[in-house]
Amino acid sequence: MQAVITDVDPFDLPEWLGTHDVVWRADQGLRTGHLVRGRLTADSDSLEIPCDLLAVDEAYPEPVVDDAGRLRVHQAWRHGQVVIGELDSRLVLAVPGTRFGPELVLDALGRLARAVGAHAERYAALLRLGA
C-alpha cells in the first residue's frame, strides 16, 4: 500500500526546533531502506519528537508514494525545500531517492532547519550503520 503523507506546516512544529541545538538520531541503520526511523532531540534529550526520513522513489515491490506525492517531493527539493509531513502519526521528511546516505540525511536536516527558521549549523545527525 502506498504511503499517504499529510502535510505539516513548519510553523505548527514545536518552537524548540527553531531555537535550540537539535540532533536527529537514527533509531536504525541507514541501510534499512527507503524509510529510516529516527527522532529529533534537544537539551540532552529532554525535548523529543519522532521524525523519520522517507525516500519516495523506491518502486519495488510497489511505489512508496503515488505519482502526485513524488512530484510534490521532487518540486520542493528542486526549490531548496523538503516536504515535511506526517505518516502513521509520526513526523516525516520526504526526499527524492531510494536510499539514504550521510550526505542526503544532512541535506534534509539543513532544509528542515531553514523551514523552521533555524541555522543549519544548529542541527546535527547521529547516524547508525548497518541494516
N, C-alpha and C. Protein backbone atom coordinates (compact mmCIF):
# COMPACT_ATOMS: atom_id res chain seq x y z
N MET A 1 0.84 -1.19 0.00
CA MET A 1 0.00 0.00 0.00
C MET A 1 0.88 1.25 0.00
N GLN A 2 0.53 2.20 -0.83
CA GLN A 2 1.30 3.43 -0.93
C GLN A 2 1.06 4.33 0.27
N ALA A 3 2.14 4.97 0.73
CA ALA A 3 2.06 5.88 1.86
C ALA A 3 1.34 7.16 1.46
N VAL A 4 0.58 7.70 2.39
CA VAL A 4 -0.07 8.99 2.18
C VAL A 4 0.54 9.95 3.19
N ILE A 5 1.24 10.94 2.68
CA ILE A 5 1.91 11.93 3.53
C ILE A 5 0.98 13.11 3.72
N THR A 6 0.63 13.38 4.96
CA THR A 6 -0.20 14.54 5.29
C THR A 6 0.73 15.71 5.58
N ASP A 7 0.56 16.82 4.85
CA ASP A 7 1.43 17.98 5.04
C ASP A 7 1.36 18.52 6.46
N VAL A 8 2.52 18.95 6.95
CA VAL A 8 2.64 19.61 8.25
C VAL A 8 3.25 20.98 8.00
N ASP A 9 2.62 22.01 8.52
CA ASP A 9 3.14 23.36 8.41
C ASP A 9 4.31 23.50 9.38
N PRO A 10 5.48 23.94 8.91
CA PRO A 10 6.63 24.09 9.82
C PRO A 10 6.33 24.98 11.03
N PHE A 11 5.40 25.91 10.88
CA PHE A 11 5.06 26.80 12.00
C PHE A 11 4.22 26.09 13.06
N ASP A 12 3.71 24.88 12.74
CA ASP A 12 2.97 24.09 13.71
C ASP A 12 3.86 23.14 14.49
N LEU A 13 5.13 23.10 14.14
CA LEU A 13 6.09 22.23 14.84
C LEU A 13 6.51 22.88 16.14
N PRO A 14 7.05 22.10 17.08
CA PRO A 14 7.49 22.69 18.36
C PRO A 14 8.50 23.82 18.14
N GLU A 15 8.37 24.87 18.93
CA GLU A 15 9.22 26.05 18.80
C GLU A 15 10.71 25.72 18.98
N TRP A 16 11.01 24.75 19.84
CA TRP A 16 12.41 24.44 20.14
C TRP A 16 13.18 23.97 18.91
N LEU A 17 12.50 23.51 17.88
CA LEU A 17 13.20 23.11 16.65
C LEU A 17 13.89 24.30 15.98
N GLY A 18 13.41 25.49 16.26
CA GLY A 18 14.00 26.68 15.67
C GLY A 18 14.87 27.48 16.62
N THR A 19 14.89 27.10 17.90
CA THR A 19 15.61 27.91 18.88
C THR A 19 16.70 27.16 19.64
N HIS A 20 16.78 25.85 19.51
CA HIS A 20 17.76 25.04 20.25
C HIS A 20 18.71 24.33 19.28
N ASP A 21 19.79 23.82 19.85
CA ASP A 21 20.62 22.89 19.09
C ASP A 21 19.86 21.57 19.02
N VAL A 22 19.70 21.05 17.80
CA VAL A 22 18.86 19.87 17.57
C VAL A 22 19.70 18.75 16.97
N VAL A 23 19.45 17.53 17.43
CA VAL A 23 20.12 16.35 16.89
C VAL A 23 19.06 15.40 16.36
N TRP A 24 19.24 14.97 15.11
CA TRP A 24 18.40 13.88 14.60
C TRP A 24 19.16 12.60 14.89
N ARG A 25 18.52 11.69 15.60
CA ARG A 25 19.13 10.43 16.00
C ARG A 25 18.42 9.29 15.27
N ALA A 26 19.18 8.55 14.50
CA ALA A 26 18.63 7.39 13.80
C ALA A 26 18.35 6.28 14.80
N ASP A 27 17.17 5.68 14.71
CA ASP A 27 16.83 4.55 15.56
C ASP A 27 17.28 3.23 14.94
N GLN A 28 17.61 3.29 13.65
CA GLN A 28 18.06 2.10 12.93
C GLN A 28 19.10 2.52 11.90
N GLY A 29 19.76 1.56 11.30
CA GLY A 29 20.80 1.87 10.33
C GLY A 29 20.27 2.47 9.04
N LEU A 30 21.11 3.26 8.40
CA LEU A 30 20.71 3.89 7.14
C LEU A 30 20.45 2.87 6.04
N ARG A 31 21.03 1.70 6.16
CA ARG A 31 20.88 0.67 5.12
C ARG A 31 19.57 -0.10 5.24
N THR A 32 18.67 0.35 6.09
CA THR A 32 17.41 -0.37 6.27
C THR A 32 16.45 -0.15 5.11
N GLY A 33 16.73 0.82 4.25
CA GLY A 33 15.87 1.01 3.09
C GLY A 33 15.37 2.42 2.93
N HIS A 34 14.19 2.53 2.34
CA HIS A 34 13.65 3.84 1.98
C HIS A 34 13.02 4.58 3.17
N LEU A 35 12.81 3.90 4.29
CA LEU A 35 12.26 4.54 5.49
C LEU A 35 13.22 4.30 6.65
N VAL A 36 13.74 5.40 7.20
CA VAL A 36 14.66 5.29 8.34
C VAL A 36 14.00 5.98 9.53
N ARG A 37 13.71 5.19 10.54
CA ARG A 37 13.09 5.72 11.76
C ARG A 37 14.12 6.50 12.56
N GLY A 38 13.66 7.59 13.17
CA GLY A 38 14.54 8.40 13.99
C GLY A 38 13.75 9.37 14.85
N ARG A 39 14.48 10.30 15.46
CA ARG A 39 13.84 11.28 16.32
C ARG A 39 14.69 12.54 16.39
N LEU A 40 14.03 13.64 16.57
CA LEU A 40 14.70 14.92 16.78
C LEU A 40 14.74 15.18 18.28
N THR A 41 15.92 15.54 18.80
CA THR A 41 16.05 15.78 20.23
C THR A 41 16.80 17.09 20.47
N ALA A 42 16.61 17.64 21.66
CA ALA A 42 17.33 18.84 22.08
C ALA A 42 17.44 18.83 23.60
N ASP A 43 18.30 19.68 24.12
CA ASP A 43 18.51 19.82 25.57
C ASP A 43 18.75 18.47 26.23
N SER A 44 19.79 17.79 25.74
CA SER A 44 20.19 16.49 26.31
C SER A 44 19.02 15.52 26.36
N ASP A 45 18.26 15.48 25.29
CA ASP A 45 17.15 14.54 25.10
C ASP A 45 15.90 14.84 25.93
N SER A 46 15.83 15.97 26.62
CA SER A 46 14.61 16.26 27.37
C SER A 46 13.48 16.69 26.44
N LEU A 47 13.83 17.19 25.26
CA LEU A 47 12.84 17.52 24.23
C LEU A 47 13.01 16.52 23.11
N GLU A 48 11.89 15.94 22.67
CA GLU A 48 11.99 14.90 21.65
C GLU A 48 10.71 14.82 20.83
N ILE A 49 10.89 14.55 19.54
CA ILE A 49 9.76 14.31 18.65
C ILE A 49 10.18 13.24 17.64
N PRO A 50 9.35 12.20 17.44
CA PRO A 50 9.69 11.20 16.42
C PRO A 50 9.76 11.86 15.06
N CYS A 51 10.77 11.52 14.28
CA CYS A 51 10.93 12.10 12.94
C CYS A 51 11.66 11.09 12.06
N ASP A 52 10.97 10.62 11.04
CA ASP A 52 11.53 9.63 10.13
C ASP A 52 11.94 10.27 8.81
N LEU A 53 12.81 9.59 8.10
CA LEU A 53 13.22 10.01 6.76
C LEU A 53 12.62 9.04 5.76
N LEU A 54 12.00 9.56 4.71
CA LEU A 54 11.35 8.74 3.70
C LEU A 54 11.87 9.10 2.32
N ALA A 55 12.49 8.13 1.65
CA ALA A 55 12.93 8.30 0.27
C ALA A 55 11.79 7.83 -0.63
N VAL A 56 11.25 8.72 -1.44
CA VAL A 56 9.99 8.44 -2.13
C VAL A 56 10.11 7.74 -3.48
N ASP A 57 11.32 7.51 -3.97
CA ASP A 57 11.46 6.95 -5.30
C ASP A 57 11.57 5.42 -5.35
N GLU A 58 11.55 4.77 -4.20
CA GLU A 58 11.57 3.30 -4.18
C GLU A 58 10.29 2.79 -4.84
N ALA A 59 10.43 1.87 -5.80
CA ALA A 59 9.26 1.42 -6.56
C ALA A 59 9.04 -0.09 -6.52
N TYR A 60 9.92 -0.84 -5.87
CA TYR A 60 9.75 -2.29 -5.84
C TYR A 60 9.62 -2.77 -4.41
N PRO A 61 8.70 -3.57 -4.05
CA PRO A 61 7.75 -4.27 -4.93
C PRO A 61 6.57 -3.41 -5.34
N GLU A 62 6.41 -2.25 -4.71
CA GLU A 62 5.40 -1.29 -5.14
C GLU A 62 5.90 0.12 -4.81
N PRO A 63 5.37 1.13 -5.50
CA PRO A 63 5.82 2.50 -5.22
C PRO A 63 5.54 2.91 -3.77
N VAL A 64 6.45 3.68 -3.20
CA VAL A 64 6.32 4.15 -1.82
C VAL A 64 5.16 5.14 -1.70
N VAL A 65 5.09 6.08 -2.63
CA VAL A 65 4.02 7.07 -2.66
C VAL A 65 3.46 7.14 -4.08
N ASP A 66 2.32 7.78 -4.23
CA ASP A 66 1.73 7.91 -5.57
C ASP A 66 2.51 8.95 -6.39
N ASP A 67 2.19 9.03 -7.67
CA ASP A 67 2.91 9.93 -8.58
C ASP A 67 2.80 11.39 -8.15
N ALA A 68 1.63 11.80 -7.68
CA ALA A 68 1.45 13.19 -7.25
C ALA A 68 2.34 13.51 -6.04
N GLY A 69 2.44 12.57 -5.12
CA GLY A 69 3.30 12.76 -3.96
C GLY A 69 4.76 12.85 -4.35
N ARG A 70 5.20 11.97 -5.25
CA ARG A 70 6.59 12.02 -5.73
C ARG A 70 6.88 13.35 -6.39
N LEU A 71 5.96 13.81 -7.24
CA LEU A 71 6.15 15.07 -7.93
C LEU A 71 6.29 16.22 -6.93
N ARG A 72 5.45 16.23 -5.91
CA ARG A 72 5.49 17.29 -4.89
C ARG A 72 6.83 17.28 -4.16
N VAL A 73 7.33 16.09 -3.83
CA VAL A 73 8.61 15.98 -3.13
C VAL A 73 9.74 16.47 -4.02
N HIS A 74 9.74 16.07 -5.28
CA HIS A 74 10.79 16.49 -6.20
C HIS A 74 10.75 18.00 -6.46
N GLN A 75 9.55 18.57 -6.58
CA GLN A 75 9.45 20.02 -6.79
C GLN A 75 9.97 20.78 -5.58
N ALA A 76 9.60 20.36 -4.40
CA ALA A 76 10.08 21.03 -3.18
C ALA A 76 11.61 20.96 -3.12
N TRP A 77 12.16 19.78 -3.40
CA TRP A 77 13.61 19.58 -3.33
C TRP A 77 14.33 20.48 -4.33
N ARG A 78 13.77 20.56 -5.51
CA ARG A 78 14.39 21.38 -6.56
C ARG A 78 14.45 22.85 -6.15
N HIS A 79 13.51 23.28 -5.32
CA HIS A 79 13.46 24.66 -4.86
C HIS A 79 14.13 24.84 -3.49
N GLY A 80 14.95 23.87 -3.08
CA GLY A 80 15.71 24.01 -1.84
C GLY A 80 14.91 23.73 -0.59
N GLN A 81 13.76 23.06 -0.73
CA GLN A 81 12.91 22.76 0.42
C GLN A 81 12.81 21.26 0.63
N VAL A 82 12.18 20.86 1.71
CA VAL A 82 11.90 19.46 1.98
C VAL A 82 10.42 19.35 2.34
N VAL A 83 9.78 18.29 1.91
CA VAL A 83 8.39 18.06 2.29
C VAL A 83 8.37 17.55 3.73
N ILE A 84 7.68 18.30 4.58
CA ILE A 84 7.51 17.93 5.98
C ILE A 84 6.08 17.45 6.12
N GLY A 85 5.93 16.25 6.60
CA GLY A 85 4.59 15.70 6.70
C GLY A 85 4.44 14.78 7.88
N GLU A 86 3.31 14.11 7.87
CA GLU A 86 3.01 13.13 8.91
C GLU A 86 2.63 11.83 8.22
N LEU A 87 3.19 10.75 8.74
CA LEU A 87 2.93 9.42 8.20
C LEU A 87 2.81 8.47 9.40
N ASP A 88 1.68 7.82 9.54
CA ASP A 88 1.46 6.92 10.67
C ASP A 88 1.69 7.62 12.01
N SER A 89 1.17 8.83 12.14
CA SER A 89 1.26 9.62 13.37
C SER A 89 2.68 10.00 13.75
N ARG A 90 3.60 9.98 12.79
CA ARG A 90 5.00 10.37 13.03
C ARG A 90 5.38 11.44 12.02
N LEU A 91 6.20 12.39 12.47
CA LEU A 91 6.73 13.40 11.57
C LEU A 91 7.64 12.71 10.56
N VAL A 92 7.60 13.14 9.32
CA VAL A 92 8.43 12.54 8.28
C VAL A 92 8.99 13.65 7.38
N LEU A 93 10.25 13.48 6.99
CA LEU A 93 10.87 14.34 5.99
C LEU A 93 10.96 13.50 4.73
N ALA A 94 10.25 13.91 3.68
CA ALA A 94 10.21 13.15 2.44
C ALA A 94 11.19 13.76 1.44
N VAL A 95 12.05 12.90 0.88
CA VAL A 95 13.10 13.36 -0.02
C VAL A 95 13.13 12.50 -1.28
N PRO A 96 13.67 13.04 -2.38
CA PRO A 96 13.87 12.21 -3.58
C PRO A 96 14.94 11.15 -3.32
N GLY A 97 14.81 10.02 -3.95
CA GLY A 97 15.81 8.97 -3.84
C GLY A 97 15.20 7.65 -3.42
N THR A 98 16.06 6.64 -3.32
CA THR A 98 15.61 5.31 -2.94
C THR A 98 16.25 4.84 -1.63
N ARG A 99 17.37 5.41 -1.27
CA ARG A 99 18.11 5.02 -0.06
C ARG A 99 18.76 6.27 0.54
N PHE A 100 19.24 6.11 1.76
CA PHE A 100 19.87 7.24 2.44
C PHE A 100 21.35 7.02 2.65
N GLY A 101 22.09 8.09 2.46
CA GLY A 101 23.49 8.16 2.81
C GLY A 101 23.66 9.38 3.70
N PRO A 102 24.81 9.53 4.32
CA PRO A 102 25.03 10.66 5.23
C PRO A 102 24.77 12.02 4.59
N GLU A 103 25.18 12.19 3.35
CA GLU A 103 25.01 13.47 2.69
C GLU A 103 23.53 13.84 2.52
N LEU A 104 22.71 12.87 2.13
CA LEU A 104 21.28 13.13 1.94
C LEU A 104 20.60 13.43 3.28
N VAL A 105 21.00 12.73 4.33
CA VAL A 105 20.45 13.00 5.66
C VAL A 105 20.76 14.43 6.08
N LEU A 106 22.02 14.84 5.93
CA LEU A 106 22.41 16.20 6.33
C LEU A 106 21.71 17.25 5.49
N ASP A 107 21.55 16.99 4.20
CA ASP A 107 20.84 17.94 3.33
C ASP A 107 19.39 18.09 3.78
N ALA A 108 18.72 16.99 4.06
CA ALA A 108 17.32 17.04 4.51
C ALA A 108 17.19 17.81 5.82
N LEU A 109 18.11 17.57 6.76
CA LEU A 109 18.07 18.27 8.04
C LEU A 109 18.34 19.77 7.88
N GLY A 110 19.25 20.11 6.97
CA GLY A 110 19.51 21.53 6.71
C GLY A 110 18.28 22.23 6.16
N ARG A 111 17.54 21.53 5.31
CA ARG A 111 16.31 22.11 4.75
C ARG A 111 15.22 22.22 5.82
N LEU A 112 15.17 21.24 6.74
CA LEU A 112 14.23 21.35 7.86
C LEU A 112 14.58 22.55 8.72
N ALA A 113 15.86 22.71 9.02
CA ALA A 113 16.30 23.85 9.84
C ALA A 113 15.86 25.16 9.21
N ARG A 114 16.08 25.29 7.92
CA ARG A 114 15.67 26.51 7.21
C ARG A 114 14.16 26.71 7.30
N ALA A 115 13.39 25.62 7.19
CA ALA A 115 11.93 25.72 7.23
C ALA A 115 11.41 26.21 8.57
N VAL A 116 12.12 25.89 9.66
CA VAL A 116 11.66 26.31 10.99
C VAL A 116 12.38 27.57 11.47
N GLY A 117 13.18 28.18 10.59
CA GLY A 117 13.83 29.44 10.93
C GLY A 117 15.11 29.30 11.73
N ALA A 118 15.73 28.13 11.69
CA ALA A 118 16.98 27.91 12.41
C ALA A 118 18.16 27.93 11.44
N HIS A 119 19.35 28.09 11.96
CA HIS A 119 20.56 27.97 11.15
C HIS A 119 20.93 26.50 11.07
N ALA A 120 21.35 26.08 9.89
CA ALA A 120 21.69 24.67 9.67
C ALA A 120 22.79 24.20 10.62
N GLU A 121 23.69 25.08 11.02
CA GLU A 121 24.77 24.65 11.90
C GLU A 121 24.28 24.33 13.32
N ARG A 122 23.03 24.61 13.62
CA ARG A 122 22.45 24.22 14.93
C ARG A 122 21.88 22.81 14.89
N TYR A 123 21.94 22.17 13.72
CA TYR A 123 21.42 20.81 13.56
C TYR A 123 22.57 19.84 13.35
N ALA A 124 22.42 18.65 13.91
CA ALA A 124 23.43 17.59 13.77
C ALA A 124 22.70 16.27 13.58
N ALA A 125 23.45 15.26 13.13
CA ALA A 125 22.86 13.94 12.93
C ALA A 125 23.73 12.89 13.61
N LEU A 126 23.06 11.97 14.28
CA LEU A 126 23.71 10.81 14.86
C LEU A 126 23.23 9.61 14.06
N LEU A 127 24.10 9.06 13.23
CA LEU A 127 23.72 8.01 12.30
C LEU A 127 24.10 6.63 12.84
N ARG A 128 23.38 5.63 12.38
CA ARG A 128 23.69 4.24 12.68
C ARG A 128 24.00 3.54 11.38
N LEU A 129 25.00 2.70 11.41
CA LEU A 129 25.36 1.93 10.22
C LEU A 129 24.67 0.58 10.28
N GLY A 130 24.60 -0.07 9.15
CA GLY A 130 24.05 -1.41 9.10
C GLY A 130 22.57 -1.43 8.82
N ALA A 131 22.06 -2.63 8.79
CA ALA A 131 20.65 -2.82 8.46
C ALA A 131 19.79 -2.82 9.69
